[in-house]
């Protein structure tokens, strides 16, 4: 299976790149329509093509899904939020699944709003990153929406991994129940004892012993591990300690019921456990699973991790912008309806500037995120590395700032659970660490920029030298 949203165009008139002889990739512009494009890293005009050219229009298919999704959210999701949280609190345990969630998922399936994030039509809606991005933003306006449409992390990333790298047997056993919404899953990569922002740093082991894999180690911040329907995890472990740096680790499918797997504790975020999903610390003690549970073969863990995180960052960032939009909406409503010192809050304390700056920041962040999605669709994640890291820094910071300003204008009301703002703030703050901290992404952006500028300088120098008289 190919990369997300990028398939070789099968049209008889599809172009071939004159620089590298690669064929054009197909872009879905809607049912029955054909559109193909080609971008080549060897093209001398690549800088212009990638950095300055983009079609900002949503495809007809994306617009259709946006209309349907917005209508479903208004009719079913938003009205059910209060009942969802009420059922969650009334349940016998904090880790129960509110019955209203299953009812919403059934309606979403019937409406054809299911697995929208998967680009392969064999498994999902067949949308590109660019087409899915606005849908993720719409879902980001509600805490419960991603699960309603089976588009919630970490299951989305795990489904993408299994769709792209999983064997037919793995897809049958693990992917199909995830696609159906019957299973939940977790991703066990981060470790408490090492700096886990370096994916090659993981020390937990996944050693091949005959026809089995022996797992040992401790993982934490494993999101979703507390969900009662979490049936398995994808575990990243060290298989070849002395191998090449990026070929030492493996990804292994581990059923939660396997002897030796133990949830040591659930980790609160600013005091909240985020039920019924949660973030857990998990120990693996002499855990044995079949060799067939290794995804794509031993030593490919780093490759899979990088492939998993690219699309996921688009999803996270667009959901964060949806949260920022909801916070700005609440901020403006408060500013217009609340008065102090004889004036609406909108006329006090520089709040007009705050509102204007929030709108500009959200728009800038959205455009940058859409550009990253478009680049992933046209040239792939590797060529879009800088843009992906840029949005991973920008979007969570913008969301955190706007949400904080919404809290401020609500006064004491903004700090309690009567409003969703504190939970939104925690969500945005977590995103500044999840999938790589800001500092790591800034370092990568700078490294890629310096490399590009150095290459440009060499190109200019070679042109000048070639033009000098003999």
Protein backbone atom coordinates (compact mmCIF):
# COMPACT_ATOMS: atom_id res chain seq x y z
CA UNK A 1 0.00 0.00 0.00
CA UNK A 2 1.26 3.47 -0.79
CA UNK A 3 1.74 6.49 1.42
CA UNK A 4 -1.18 8.46 2.71
CA UNK A 5 -3.16 10.08 -0.11
CA UNK A 6 -0.45 9.40 -2.74
CA UNK A 7 -1.14 6.78 -5.41
CA UNK A 8 0.36 6.49 -8.87
CA UNK A 9 -2.04 8.02 -11.34
CA UNK A 10 -3.46 5.40 -13.71
CA UNK A 11 -4.74 7.83 -16.33
CA UNK A 12 -3.19 7.20 -19.78
CA UNK A 13 -2.13 10.84 -20.03
CA UNK A 14 -0.49 10.99 -16.59
CA UNK A 15 2.84 12.88 -16.78
CA UNK A 16 6.26 11.53 -15.93
CA UNK A 17 8.84 13.77 -14.26
CA UNK A 18 11.65 14.78 -16.62
CA UNK A 19 14.09 15.01 -13.72
CA UNK A 20 13.66 11.67 -11.90
CA UNK A 21 11.29 9.76 -14.22
CA UNK A 22 8.74 9.27 -11.43
CA UNK A 23 5.08 9.13 -12.39
CA UNK A 24 2.53 11.66 -11.21
CA UNK A 25 0.52 11.00 -8.07
CA UNK A 26 -3.25 11.01 -8.22
CA UNK A 27 -5.22 13.56 -6.21
CA UNK A 28 -8.90 12.97 -5.62
CA UNK A 29 -10.81 16.05 -6.71
CA UNK A 30 -14.21 14.45 -6.20
CA UNK A 31 -16.17 11.52 -7.51
CA UNK A 32 -15.61 10.89 -11.19
CA UNK A 33 -13.13 13.72 -11.55
CA UNK A 34 -9.49 13.35 -12.48
CA UNK A 35 -6.65 15.54 -11.33
CA UNK A 36 -2.99 14.61 -11.09
CA UNK A 37 0.12 16.46 -10.05
CA UNK A 38 3.82 15.79 -9.86
CA UNK A 39 6.46 17.35 -7.64
CA UNK A 40 10.07 16.23 -7.75
CA UNK A 41 12.83 16.81 -5.22
CA UNK A 42 15.35 16.96 -8.10
CA UNK A 43 13.48 19.72 -9.89
CA UNK A 44 15.52 22.96 -9.68
CA UNK A 45 12.27 24.85 -9.12
CA UNK A 46 11.25 22.70 -6.14
CA UNK A 47 11.62 25.56 -3.67
CA UNK A 48 9.07 27.64 -5.55
CA UNK A 49 6.74 24.71 -6.12
CA UNK A 50 6.62 23.61 -2.50
CA UNK A 51 6.93 26.85 -0.58
CA UNK A 52 4.82 29.24 -2.62
CA UNK A 53 2.20 27.30 -4.63
CA UNK A 54 -0.96 25.81 -3.20
CA UNK A 55 -4.62 25.44 -4.06
CA UNK A 56 -6.61 26.71 -1.06
CA UNK A 57 -9.99 25.46 -2.27
CA UNK A 58 -11.53 22.43 -0.57
CA UNK A 59 -12.47 19.71 -3.02
CA UNK A 60 -16.18 19.13 -3.72
CA UNK A 61 -15.97 15.88 -1.79
CA UNK A 62 -14.40 17.58 1.24
CA UNK A 63 -17.09 20.28 1.22
CA UNK A 64 -19.77 17.60 1.08
CA UNK A 65 -18.31 15.82 4.09
CA UNK A 66 -17.94 19.13 5.96
CA UNK A 67 -21.63 19.91 5.48
CA UNK A 68 -22.71 16.44 6.58
CA UNK A 69 -20.35 16.42 9.56
CA UNK A 70 -21.42 19.87 10.76
CA UNK A 71 -25.07 18.85 10.50
CA UNK A 72 -24.46 15.63 12.45
CA UNK A 73 -22.53 17.51 15.15
CA UNK A 74 -25.36 20.03 15.57
CA UNK A 75 -28.13 17.44 15.55
CA UNK A 76 -26.55 14.65 17.58
CA UNK A 77 -23.13 15.32 19.15
CA UNK A 78 -23.45 18.71 20.85
CA UNK A 79 -26.88 17.90 22.36
CA UNK A 80 -25.50 14.61 23.77
CA UNK A 81 -22.43 16.05 25.52
CA UNK A 82 -24.16 16.81 28.83
CA UNK A 83 -25.71 13.34 28.99
CA UNK A 84 -22.37 11.73 28.13
CA UNK A 85 -20.57 13.35 31.06
CA UNK A 86 -23.53 12.74 33.35
CA UNK A 87 -23.51 9.03 32.52
CA UNK A 88 -19.74 8.95 32.98
CA UNK A 89 -20.09 10.30 36.53
CA UNK A 90 -23.08 8.06 37.36
CA UNK A 91 -21.39 4.85 36.25
CA UNK A 92 -20.25 2.21 38.75
CA UNK A 93 -16.61 2.94 37.85
CA UNK A 94 -14.96 6.04 36.37
CA UNK A 95 -13.66 3.89 33.51
CA UNK A 96 -17.09 2.89 32.16
CA UNK A 97 -18.24 3.75 28.64
CA UNK A 98 -21.38 5.92 28.71
CA UNK A 99 -24.21 4.16 26.80
CA UNK A 100 -24.90 7.33 24.81
CA UNK A 101 -21.52 6.91 23.10
CA UNK A 102 -22.48 3.60 21.51
CA UNK A 103 -25.76 5.10 20.33
CA UNK A 104 -23.90 7.99 18.70
CA UNK A 105 -21.39 5.64 17.04
CA UNK A 106 -24.22 3.59 15.57
CA UNK A 107 -25.80 6.74 14.11
CA UNK A 108 -22.45 7.91 12.70
CA UNK A 109 -21.94 4.55 10.97
CA UNK A 110 -25.42 4.69 9.48
CA UNK A 111 -24.74 8.23 8.25
CA UNK A 112 -21.54 7.14 6.49
CA UNK A 113 -19.39 9.33 8.76
CA UNK A 114 -17.01 6.60 9.88
CA UNK A 115 -13.23 6.08 9.62
CA UNK A 116 -12.94 9.35 7.70
CA UNK A 117 -9.19 9.64 8.35
CA UNK A 118 -8.07 6.58 6.36
CA UNK A 119 -6.93 7.39 2.79
CA UNK A 120 -7.28 3.84 1.49
CA UNK A 121 -10.86 3.21 0.37
CA UNK A 122 -10.47 -0.45 1.28
CA UNK A 123 -10.51 0.59 4.93
CA UNK A 124 -11.90 4.13 5.15
CA UNK A 125 -13.35 7.10 3.31
CA UNK A 126 -10.40 7.49 0.93
CA UNK A 127 -9.82 11.16 1.75
CA UNK A 128 -6.48 12.89 1.33
CA UNK A 129 -4.80 14.71 4.22
CA UNK A 130 -5.99 18.02 2.77
CA UNK A 131 -9.59 16.81 2.55
CA UNK A 132 -9.58 15.28 6.02
CA UNK A 133 -7.99 18.30 7.75
CA UNK A 134 -11.15 20.45 7.96
CA UNK A 135 -13.10 17.45 9.22
CA UNK A 136 -10.60 16.99 12.05
CA UNK A 137 -11.06 20.67 12.95
CA UNK A 138 -14.83 20.24 13.11
CA UNK A 139 -14.42 17.23 15.41
CA UNK A 140 -12.03 19.23 17.60
CA UNK A 141 -14.96 21.35 18.78
CA UNK A 142 -16.20 18.50 20.97
CA UNK A 143 -14.38 16.18 23.37
CA UNK A 144 -16.52 13.23 22.41
CA UNK A 145 -16.70 13.75 18.63
CA UNK A 146 -13.50 11.93 17.56
CA UNK A 147 -14.66 8.66 19.13
CA UNK A 148 -18.18 9.09 17.74
CA UNK A 149 -16.73 8.93 14.22
CA UNK A 150 -14.01 6.36 15.09
CA UNK A 151 -11.38 9.02 14.40
CA UNK A 152 -9.81 9.18 17.86
CA UNK A 153 -6.16 8.88 18.83
CA UNK A 154 -4.29 6.67 19.40
CA UNK A 155 -6.52 4.29 17.43
CA UNK A 156 -6.20 6.36 14.26
CA UNK A 157 -2.42 6.03 14.26
CA UNK A 158 -2.59 2.32 15.09
CA UNK A 159 -5.08 1.71 12.29
CA UNK A 160 -2.86 3.57 9.84
CA UNK A 161 0.10 1.43 10.92
CA UNK A 162 -1.83 -1.81 10.48
CA UNK A 163 -3.33 -0.70 7.16
CA UNK A 164 0.10 0.21 5.76
CA UNK A 165 2.45 -2.27 7.42
CA UNK A 166 0.29 -5.05 8.87
CA UNK A 167 0.19 -8.57 7.48
CA UNK A 168 -3.15 -9.97 6.28
CA UNK A 169 -3.38 -12.01 9.49
CA UNK A 170 -2.65 -8.95 11.66
CA UNK A 171 -5.23 -6.92 9.77
CA UNK A 172 -7.82 -9.65 10.23
CA UNK A 173 -7.17 -10.05 13.97
CA UNK A 174 -6.54 -6.45 15.03
CA UNK A 175 -7.39 -3.94 12.30
CA UNK A 176 -10.89 -5.13 11.51
CA UNK A 177 -12.17 -4.82 15.12
CA UNK A 178 -10.61 -1.34 15.31
CA UNK A 179 -12.29 -0.33 12.05
CA UNK A 180 -15.60 -1.58 13.42
CA UNK A 181 -15.18 0.39 16.64
CA UNK A 182 -15.33 -2.80 18.69
CA UNK A 183 -11.76 -2.55 20.02
CA UNK A 184 -9.75 0.31 21.45
CA UNK A 185 -5.95 0.26 21.58
CA UNK A 186 -2.89 2.03 22.97
CA UNK A 187 0.56 2.94 21.70
CA UNK A 188 3.42 2.16 24.09
CA UNK A 189 6.54 4.06 23.08
CA UNK A 190 7.46 6.73 25.68
CA UNK A 191 9.52 5.55 28.66
CA UNK A 192 10.01 7.12 32.11
CA UNK A 193 13.73 6.40 32.33
CA UNK A 194 14.99 7.88 29.04
CA UNK A 195 14.52 11.07 27.03
CA UNK A 196 11.81 9.69 24.78
CA UNK A 197 11.74 12.62 22.36
CA UNK A 198 14.59 10.70 20.71
CA UNK A 199 12.81 7.71 19.20
CA UNK A 200 16.08 5.74 19.01
CA UNK A 201 16.54 6.09 22.77
CA UNK A 202 14.01 3.47 23.91
CA UNK A 203 15.49 0.81 26.19
CA UNK A 204 12.54 -1.54 26.69
CA UNK A 205 13.42 -4.74 24.86
CA UNK A 206 11.68 -6.90 22.26
CA UNK A 207 14.05 -9.83 21.80
CA UNK A 208 13.43 -12.58 19.27
CA UNK A 209 13.65 -16.06 20.82
CA UNK A 210 12.78 -18.77 18.34
CA UNK A 211 9.18 -18.32 17.26
CA UNK A 212 8.43 -15.87 20.09
CA UNK A 213 9.24 -12.30 21.10
CA UNK A 214 10.23 -11.61 24.72
CA UNK A 215 9.25 -8.15 25.98
CA UNK A 216 10.59 -6.38 29.06
CA UNK A 217 10.44 -2.76 30.13
CA UNK A 218 8.26 0.06 31.36
CA UNK A 219 6.25 2.54 29.32
CA UNK A 220 4.22 5.55 30.35
CA UNK A 221 1.83 8.14 28.96
CA UNK A 222 0.19 5.31 27.05
CA UNK A 223 -3.02 7.08 26.05
CA UNK A 224 -6.22 5.05 26.01
CA UNK A 225 -4.82 2.26 28.17
CA UNK A 226 -7.58 2.73 30.76
CA UNK A 227 -10.47 2.26 28.33
CA UNK A 228 -12.42 -0.94 29.10
CA UNK A 229 -12.35 -1.84 25.40
CA UNK A 230 -8.57 -1.44 25.06
CA UNK A 231 -7.71 -4.95 23.85
CA UNK A 232 -4.11 -4.54 22.68
CA UNK A 233 -1.15 -2.19 22.46
CA UNK A 234 1.57 -1.56 19.91
CA UNK A 235 4.84 -1.83 21.84
CA UNK A 236 8.13 -0.36 20.61
CA UNK A 237 11.13 -2.32 21.87
CA UNK A 238 14.85 -2.71 21.29
CA UNK A 239 15.62 -5.82 19.23
CA UNK A 240 19.13 -5.23 17.86
CA UNK A 241 21.17 -3.17 20.38
CA UNK A 242 24.25 -3.15 18.14
CA UNK A 243 22.44 -2.64 14.84
CA UNK A 244 22.22 0.55 12.77
CA UNK A 245 20.69 3.39 14.78
CA UNK A 246 17.42 3.44 12.87
CA UNK A 247 17.08 -0.34 12.56
CA UNK A 248 17.37 -1.43 16.19
CA UNK A 249 13.75 -1.35 17.32
CA UNK A 250 10.63 -3.32 16.48
CA UNK A 251 6.90 -2.72 16.77
CA UNK A 252 5.03 -5.57 18.42
CA UNK A 253 1.30 -6.27 18.85
CA UNK A 254 0.60 -7.21 22.47
CA UNK A 255 -2.84 -8.32 23.72
CA UNK A 256 -3.66 -6.65 27.05
CA UNK A 257 -4.57 -10.03 28.54
CA UNK A 258 -1.04 -11.40 27.99
CA UNK A 259 0.65 -12.53 31.25
CA UNK A 260 3.22 -9.99 32.41
CA UNK A 261 1.36 -6.90 31.16
CA UNK A 262 0.38 -4.71 34.12
CA UNK A 263 -1.05 -1.21 34.37
CA UNK A 264 0.95 0.21 37.26
CA UNK A 265 -1.00 3.46 37.58
CA UNK A 266 -3.05 6.00 35.68
CA UNK A 267 -1.40 9.39 35.24
CA UNK A 268 -3.45 12.54 35.94
CA UNK A 269 -3.02 15.65 33.80
CA UNK A 270 -3.42 18.74 36.02
CA UNK A 271 -5.37 16.50 38.40
CA UNK A 272 -7.71 14.98 35.79
CA UNK A 273 -7.53 11.30 34.81
CA UNK A 274 -9.30 11.82 31.48
CA UNK A 275 -11.71 8.94 31.96
CA UNK A 276 -12.62 6.63 30.29
CA UNK A 277 -9.43 6.77 28.18
CA UNK A 278 -6.65 7.86 30.49
CA UNK A 279 -2.89 7.83 30.25
CA UNK A 280 -1.15 4.95 31.97
CA UNK A 281 2.20 3.68 33.15
CA UNK A 282 2.52 0.06 32.05
CA UNK A 283 5.08 -2.60 32.92
CA UNK A 284 6.01 -5.53 30.68
CA UNK A 285 7.68 -8.35 32.61
CA UNK A 286 8.80 -11.40 30.62
CA UNK A 287 5.89 -10.94 28.24
CA UNK A 288 5.88 -13.50 25.44
CA UNK A 289 3.96 -13.15 22.19
CA UNK A 290 4.26 -14.99 18.84
CA UNK A 291 6.94 -13.83 16.42
CA UNK A 292 4.11 -13.17 13.96
CA UNK A 293 3.06 -10.25 16.19
CA UNK A 294 6.01 -8.14 15.01
CA UNK A 295 4.74 -5.56 12.53
CA UNK A 296 6.58 -5.57 9.16
CA UNK A 297 9.47 -7.59 10.59
CA UNK A 298 12.16 -6.99 13.24
CA UNK A 299 14.13 -3.74 13.16
CA UNK A 300 11.52 -1.57 11.43
CA UNK A 301 10.17 0.15 14.53
CA UNK A 302 11.72 3.55 13.89
CA UNK A 303 10.47 3.58 10.30
CA UNK A 304 6.95 2.72 11.42
CA UNK A 305 7.02 5.30 14.22
CA UNK A 306 7.97 8.08 11.83
CA UNK A 307 5.31 7.03 9.33
CA UNK A 308 2.72 6.91 12.10
CA UNK A 309 3.45 10.35 13.51
CA UNK A 310 3.23 12.38 10.27
CA UNK A 311 -0.52 12.12 9.56
CA UNK A 312 -1.23 12.08 13.30
CA UNK A 313 0.28 15.53 13.70
CA UNK A 314 -2.08 16.87 11.04
CA UNK A 315 -5.02 15.37 12.95
CA UNK A 316 -3.84 16.72 16.32
CA UNK A 317 -3.19 20.22 15.00
CA UNK A 318 -6.53 20.57 13.23
CA UNK A 319 -8.39 19.29 16.30
CA UNK A 320 -6.45 21.82 18.38
CA UNK A 321 -7.63 24.56 16.04
CA UNK A 322 -11.19 23.33 16.47
CA UNK A 323 -10.73 23.68 20.23
CA UNK A 324 -9.29 27.18 19.73
CA UNK A 325 -12.29 28.13 17.60
CA UNK A 326 -14.67 26.94 20.30
CA UNK A 327 -12.73 28.90 22.94
CA UNK A 328 -12.79 32.06 20.82
CA UNK A 329 -16.53 31.67 20.32
CA UNK A 330 -17.00 31.43 24.10
CA UNK A 331 -14.65 34.39 24.63
CA UNK A 332 -16.63 36.61 22.25
CA UNK A 333 -19.98 35.59 23.71
CA UNK A 334 -18.74 36.46 27.18
CA UNK A 335 -17.29 39.77 25.98
CA UNK A 336 -20.61 40.78 24.41
CA UNK A 337 -22.98 39.64 27.17
CA UNK A 338 -21.05 40.48 30.34
CA UNK A 339 -20.62 44.06 31.58
CA UNK A 340 -18.34 45.73 34.11
CA UNK A 341 -17.96 49.37 35.07
CA UNK A 342 -20.95 50.20 32.90
CA UNK A 343 -19.51 48.73 29.70
CA UNK A 344 -19.48 45.36 27.92
CA UNK A 345 -16.23 43.45 28.50
CA UNK A 346 -15.56 43.78 24.77
CA UNK A 347 -14.92 47.49 25.38
CA UNK A 348 -12.61 47.01 28.36
CA UNK A 349 -9.02 46.01 29.06
CA UNK A 350 -7.78 45.70 25.52
CA UNK A 351 -10.15 42.80 24.87
CA UNK A 352 -10.74 43.98 21.30
CA UNK A 353 -7.04 43.50 20.59
CA UNK A 354 -7.12 40.08 22.25
CA UNK A 355 -10.04 38.99 20.06
CA UNK A 356 -8.44 40.32 16.88
CA UNK A 357 -5.09 38.71 17.64
CA UNK A 358 -6.79 35.39 18.42
CA UNK A 359 -8.61 35.41 15.09
CA UNK A 360 -5.43 36.22 13.17
CA UNK A 361 -3.43 33.54 14.99
CA UNK A 362 -6.04 30.86 14.32
CA UNK A 363 -6.24 31.75 10.63
CA UNK A 364 -2.45 31.73 10.24
CA UNK A 365 -2.19 28.40 12.02
CA UNK A 366 -4.96 26.86 9.92
CA UNK A 367 -3.34 27.91 6.66
CA UNK A 368 0.03 26.55 7.75
CA UNK A 369 -1.57 23.25 8.76
CA UNK A 370 -3.44 22.95 5.47
CA UNK A 371 -0.22 23.64 3.61
CA UNK A 372 1.51 20.83 5.52
CA UNK A 373 -1.39 18.50 4.68
CA UNK A 374 -1.24 19.50 1.02
CA UNK A 375 2.51 18.88 0.89
CA UNK A 376 2.08 15.43 2.44
CA UNK A 377 -0.43 14.64 -0.29
CA UNK A 378 1.75 15.91 -3.13
CA UNK A 379 5.36 15.16 -2.15
CA UNK A 380 5.08 12.95 0.94
CA UNK A 381 5.95 13.29 4.60
CA UNK A 382 9.73 13.36 4.10
CA UNK A 383 9.65 16.46 1.89
CA UNK A 384 7.12 18.06 4.24
CA UNK A 385 9.17 17.48 7.40
CA UNK A 386 9.74 21.18 8.10
CA UNK A 387 6.09 22.12 7.59
CA UNK A 388 4.90 19.23 9.76
CA UNK A 389 7.22 20.32 12.58
CA UNK A 390 6.14 23.94 12.12
CA UNK A 391 2.48 23.13 12.65
CA UNK A 392 3.31 20.89 15.60
CA UNK A 393 4.83 23.93 17.32
CA UNK A 394 2.39 26.59 16.13
CA UNK A 395 -1.06 24.97 16.46
CA UNK A 396 -0.87 23.79 20.10
CA UNK A 397 0.68 27.09 21.20
CA UNK A 398 -2.03 29.09 19.43
CA UNK A 399 -4.73 26.88 20.95
CA UNK A 400 -3.22 27.18 24.42
CA UNK A 401 -3.02 30.98 24.15
CA UNK A 402 -6.59 31.45 22.89
CA UNK A 403 -8.01 29.05 25.48
CA UNK A 404 -6.10 30.84 28.26
CA UNK A 405 -7.54 34.16 27.11
CA UNK A 406 -11.02 32.64 27.13
CA UNK A 407 -10.43 31.45 30.70
CA UNK A 408 -9.29 34.94 31.69
CA UNK A 409 -12.35 36.74 30.37
CA UNK A 410 -14.64 34.25 32.13
CA UNK A 411 -13.04 35.04 35.48
CA UNK A 412 -13.64 32.45 38.18
CA UNK A 413 -16.15 30.62 35.99
CA UNK A 414 -13.37 29.80 33.56
CA UNK A 415 -11.47 27.84 36.19
CA UNK A 416 -14.15 25.34 37.19
CA UNK A 417 -15.58 22.28 35.49
CA UNK A 418 -18.85 24.01 34.64
CA UNK A 419 -17.15 25.07 31.42
CA UNK A 420 -14.88 22.97 29.19
CA UNK A 421 -12.07 25.55 29.14
CA UNK A 422 -9.78 23.98 31.75
CA UNK A 423 -10.00 20.60 30.03
CA UNK A 424 -9.29 22.28 26.68
CA UNK A 425 -6.28 24.05 28.18
CA UNK A 426 -4.90 20.75 29.51
CA UNK A 427 -5.42 19.17 26.09
CA UNK A 428 -3.52 21.95 24.31
CA UNK A 429 -0.72 21.88 26.88
CA UNK A 430 -0.28 18.13 26.50
CA UNK A 431 0.04 18.54 22.73
CA UNK A 432 3.15 20.67 23.23
CA UNK A 433 4.84 17.49 24.50
CA UNK A 434 2.97 14.66 22.76
CA UNK A 435 4.47 13.49 19.44
CA UNK A 436 7.63 15.45 20.19
CA UNK A 437 8.17 18.56 22.35
CA UNK A 438 8.35 22.05 20.88
CA UNK A 439 12.12 22.18 21.32
CA UNK A 440 12.76 19.09 19.20
CA UNK A 441 10.58 20.38 16.39
CA UNK A 442 12.20 23.83 16.49
CA UNK A 443 15.63 22.19 16.27
CA UNK A 444 14.54 20.17 13.23
CA UNK A 445 13.05 23.24 11.54
CA UNK A 446 16.31 25.15 12.04
CA UNK A 447 18.40 22.22 10.81
CA UNK A 448 16.35 21.87 7.63
CA UNK A 449 16.36 25.62 7.03
CA UNK A 450 20.12 25.88 7.41
CA UNK A 451 20.56 22.91 5.06
CA UNK A 452 18.29 24.51 2.47
CA UNK A 453 20.03 27.87 2.72
CA UNK A 454 23.46 26.24 2.46
CA UNK A 455 22.38 24.35 -0.66
CA UNK A 456 21.03 27.57 -2.14
CA UNK A 457 24.33 29.34 -1.43
CA UNK A 458 26.29 26.53 -3.10
CA UNK A 459 24.00 26.75 -6.12
CA UNK A 460 24.53 30.49 -6.43
CA UNK A 461 28.29 30.07 -6.09
CA UNK A 462 28.39 27.40 -8.80
CA UNK A 463 26.42 29.62 -11.17
CA UNK A 464 28.78 32.55 -10.55
CA UNK A 465 31.84 30.35 -11.05
CA UNK A 466 30.45 28.90 -14.28
CA UNK A 467 29.84 32.40 -15.61
CA UNK A 468 33.37 33.70 -14.97
CA UNK A 469 35.63 34.19 -18.01
CA UNK A 470 38.30 31.54 -18.56
